[in-house]
């Protein structure tokens, strides 16, 4: 995934990016996932599958709607 010079995600607003990574120790494959809301808030996580990342994102979005901005 692309990052800026400070190591921050360059994921465009309203889009998602992901990349599979394999651990050097144990060979486990994980998905690194970023989603930036249309308003610019960034959600980022690492999980065993893209589906799990998207479920975590959906939970985060539901929780953010309930919390004051």
N, C-alpha and C. Protein backbone atom coordinates (compact mmCIF):
# COMPACT_ATOMS: atom_id res chain seq x y z
N UNK A 1 0.84 -1.17 0.00
CA UNK A 1 0.00 0.00 0.00
C UNK A 1 0.89 1.23 0.00
N UNK A 2 0.35 2.28 -0.55
CA UNK A 2 1.11 3.51 -0.62
C UNK A 2 1.00 4.29 0.68
N UNK A 3 2.12 4.92 1.06
CA UNK A 3 2.15 5.79 2.22
C UNK A 3 2.88 7.08 1.84
N UNK A 4 2.66 8.12 2.64
CA UNK A 4 3.38 9.36 2.39
C UNK A 4 4.75 9.30 3.06
N UNK A 5 5.49 10.39 3.02
CA UNK A 5 6.85 10.39 3.58
C UNK A 5 6.87 10.16 5.08
N UNK A 6 5.74 10.38 5.76
CA UNK A 6 5.64 10.15 7.20
C UNK A 6 5.13 8.75 7.53
N UNK A 7 4.86 7.93 6.51
CA UNK A 7 4.36 6.58 6.73
C UNK A 7 2.86 6.48 6.88
N UNK A 8 2.13 7.56 6.64
CA UNK A 8 0.67 7.57 6.75
C UNK A 8 0.04 7.07 5.44
N UNK A 9 -1.08 6.41 5.56
CA UNK A 9 -1.78 5.89 4.40
C UNK A 9 -2.20 7.00 3.44
N UNK A 10 -2.08 6.73 2.16
CA UNK A 10 -2.53 7.67 1.14
C UNK A 10 -3.86 7.21 0.54
N UNK A 11 -4.59 6.39 1.25
CA UNK A 11 -5.88 5.90 0.79
C UNK A 11 -6.80 7.08 0.52
N UNK A 12 -7.35 7.21 -0.70
CA UNK A 12 -8.23 8.34 -1.02
C UNK A 12 -9.55 8.26 -0.25
N UNK A 13 -10.16 9.41 -0.01
CA UNK A 13 -11.44 9.49 0.69
C UNK A 13 -12.49 8.64 -0.03
N UNK A 14 -13.25 7.86 0.76
CA UNK A 14 -14.31 7.03 0.22
C UNK A 14 -13.84 5.74 -0.40
N UNK A 15 -12.56 5.40 -0.25
CA UNK A 15 -12.03 4.19 -0.88
C UNK A 15 -11.34 3.29 0.15
N UNK A 16 -11.06 2.07 -0.29
CA UNK A 16 -10.34 1.11 0.53
C UNK A 16 -9.12 0.61 -0.22
N UNK A 17 -8.10 0.21 0.54
CA UNK A 17 -6.90 -0.41 -0.02
C UNK A 17 -6.54 -1.57 0.88
N UNK A 18 -5.99 -2.63 0.29
CA UNK A 18 -5.52 -3.74 1.10
C UNK A 18 -4.37 -4.42 0.41
N UNK A 19 -3.64 -5.16 1.23
CA UNK A 19 -2.47 -5.87 0.73
C UNK A 19 -2.26 -7.10 1.61
N UNK A 20 -1.98 -8.23 0.98
CA UNK A 20 -1.67 -9.44 1.74
C UNK A 20 -0.20 -9.43 2.11
N UNK A 21 0.08 -9.81 3.34
CA UNK A 21 1.45 -9.90 3.83
C UNK A 21 1.65 -11.28 4.43
N UNK A 22 2.83 -11.84 4.20
CA UNK A 22 3.17 -13.14 4.79
C UNK A 22 4.24 -12.93 5.84
N UNK A 23 3.98 -13.44 7.02
CA UNK A 23 4.92 -13.33 8.13
C UNK A 23 6.18 -14.13 7.86
N UNK A 24 7.31 -13.54 8.17
CA UNK A 24 8.58 -14.26 8.03
C UNK A 24 8.64 -15.41 9.02
N UNK A 25 8.13 -15.18 10.21
CA UNK A 25 8.10 -16.22 11.25
C UNK A 25 6.75 -16.91 11.19
N UNK A 26 6.72 -18.16 10.85
CA UNK A 26 5.49 -18.93 10.81
C UNK A 26 4.79 -18.95 9.47
N UNK A 27 5.09 -18.02 8.59
CA UNK A 27 4.51 -18.02 7.25
C UNK A 27 3.02 -17.72 7.20
N UNK A 28 2.47 -17.10 8.23
CA UNK A 28 1.05 -16.76 8.27
C UNK A 28 0.76 -15.59 7.33
N UNK A 29 -0.28 -15.72 6.52
CA UNK A 29 -0.69 -14.63 5.64
C UNK A 29 -1.77 -13.81 6.32
N UNK A 30 -1.56 -12.49 6.34
CA UNK A 30 -2.51 -11.55 6.93
C UNK A 30 -2.81 -10.47 5.89
N UNK A 31 -3.93 -9.80 6.09
CA UNK A 31 -4.32 -8.71 5.20
C UNK A 31 -4.17 -7.40 5.97
N UNK A 32 -3.42 -6.47 5.40
CA UNK A 32 -3.32 -5.12 5.93
C UNK A 32 -4.35 -4.29 5.17
N UNK A 33 -5.23 -3.59 5.88
CA UNK A 33 -6.39 -2.95 5.28
C UNK A 33 -6.53 -1.51 5.75
N UNK A 34 -6.82 -0.60 4.81
CA UNK A 34 -7.12 0.79 5.12
C UNK A 34 -8.42 1.18 4.43
N UNK A 35 -9.22 1.97 5.13
CA UNK A 35 -10.43 2.56 4.54
C UNK A 35 -10.51 4.00 5.04
N UNK A 36 -10.71 4.93 4.13
CA UNK A 36 -10.87 6.33 4.51
C UNK A 36 -12.29 6.75 4.17
N UNK A 37 -13.00 7.28 5.17
CA UNK A 37 -14.38 7.72 4.96
C UNK A 37 -14.42 8.91 4.01
N UNK A 38 -15.58 9.17 3.41
CA UNK A 38 -15.69 10.36 2.55
C UNK A 38 -15.33 11.64 3.31
N UNK A 39 -15.50 11.63 4.64
CA UNK A 39 -15.15 12.78 5.47
C UNK A 39 -13.69 12.84 5.86
N UNK A 40 -12.91 11.80 5.51
CA UNK A 40 -11.48 11.83 5.75
C UNK A 40 -10.96 11.02 6.92
N UNK A 41 -11.84 10.37 7.71
CA UNK A 41 -11.36 9.55 8.83
C UNK A 41 -10.80 8.24 8.31
N UNK A 42 -9.68 7.82 8.91
CA UNK A 42 -9.00 6.62 8.45
C UNK A 42 -9.24 5.46 9.40
N UNK A 43 -9.63 4.32 8.85
CA UNK A 43 -9.71 3.06 9.59
C UNK A 43 -8.63 2.16 9.03
N UNK A 44 -7.87 1.53 9.90
CA UNK A 44 -6.79 0.65 9.47
C UNK A 44 -6.77 -0.57 10.38
N UNK A 45 -6.56 -1.75 9.81
CA UNK A 45 -6.45 -2.95 10.63
C UNK A 45 -5.66 -4.03 9.90
N UNK A 46 -5.33 -5.07 10.64
CA UNK A 46 -4.69 -6.26 10.09
C UNK A 46 -5.49 -7.46 10.59
N UNK A 47 -5.88 -8.34 9.68
CA UNK A 47 -6.68 -9.52 10.03
C UNK A 47 -6.32 -10.65 9.07
N UNK A 48 -6.74 -11.87 9.40
CA UNK A 48 -6.42 -13.02 8.54
C UNK A 48 -7.06 -12.99 7.16
N UNK A 49 -8.17 -12.25 6.98
CA UNK A 49 -8.82 -12.23 5.66
C UNK A 49 -9.41 -10.85 5.37
N UNK A 50 -9.65 -10.58 4.10
CA UNK A 50 -10.27 -9.33 3.70
C UNK A 50 -11.68 -9.23 4.27
N UNK A 51 -12.41 -10.34 4.30
CA UNK A 51 -13.76 -10.35 4.86
C UNK A 51 -13.75 -9.90 6.31
N UNK A 52 -12.78 -10.38 7.10
CA UNK A 52 -12.70 -9.99 8.51
C UNK A 52 -12.35 -8.51 8.65
N UNK A 53 -11.49 -8.01 7.78
CA UNK A 53 -11.17 -6.58 7.79
C UNK A 53 -12.41 -5.75 7.51
N UNK A 54 -13.18 -6.15 6.52
CA UNK A 54 -14.38 -5.40 6.17
C UNK A 54 -15.44 -5.46 7.27
N UNK A 55 -15.55 -6.61 7.96
CA UNK A 55 -16.47 -6.70 9.10
C UNK A 55 -16.04 -5.75 10.21
N UNK A 56 -14.73 -5.70 10.49
CA UNK A 56 -14.21 -4.78 11.51
C UNK A 56 -14.47 -3.33 11.11
N UNK A 57 -14.29 -3.02 9.82
CA UNK A 57 -14.58 -1.67 9.32
C UNK A 57 -16.05 -1.32 9.52
N UNK A 58 -16.94 -2.25 9.18
CA UNK A 58 -18.38 -2.00 9.31
C UNK A 58 -18.76 -1.76 10.77
N UNK A 59 -18.17 -2.52 11.68
CA UNK A 59 -18.41 -2.31 13.11
C UNK A 59 -17.92 -0.93 13.53
N UNK A 60 -16.73 -0.55 13.07
CA UNK A 60 -16.15 0.75 13.37
C UNK A 60 -17.06 1.87 12.87
N UNK A 61 -17.56 1.72 11.63
CA UNK A 61 -18.45 2.73 11.07
C UNK A 61 -19.74 2.86 11.88
N UNK A 62 -20.31 1.73 12.29
CA UNK A 62 -21.53 1.77 13.12
C UNK A 62 -21.25 2.49 14.43
N UNK A 63 -20.12 2.17 15.07
CA UNK A 63 -19.77 2.80 16.34
C UNK A 63 -19.52 4.30 16.17
N UNK A 64 -18.91 4.71 15.07
CA UNK A 64 -18.63 6.12 14.82
C UNK A 64 -19.91 6.91 14.60
N UNK A 65 -20.92 6.28 14.01
CA UNK A 65 -22.18 6.97 13.78
C UNK A 65 -22.88 7.27 15.11
N UNK A 66 -22.66 6.40 16.11
CA UNK A 66 -23.29 6.58 17.42
C UNK A 66 -22.53 7.58 18.28
N UNK A 67 -21.24 7.72 18.04
CA UNK A 67 -20.42 8.62 18.86
C UNK A 67 -20.42 10.02 18.27
N UNK A 68 -20.31 11.03 19.14
CA UNK A 68 -20.22 12.39 18.60
C UNK A 68 -18.94 12.58 17.83
N UNK A 69 -18.99 13.39 16.78
CA UNK A 69 -17.82 13.62 15.92
C UNK A 69 -16.78 14.46 16.63
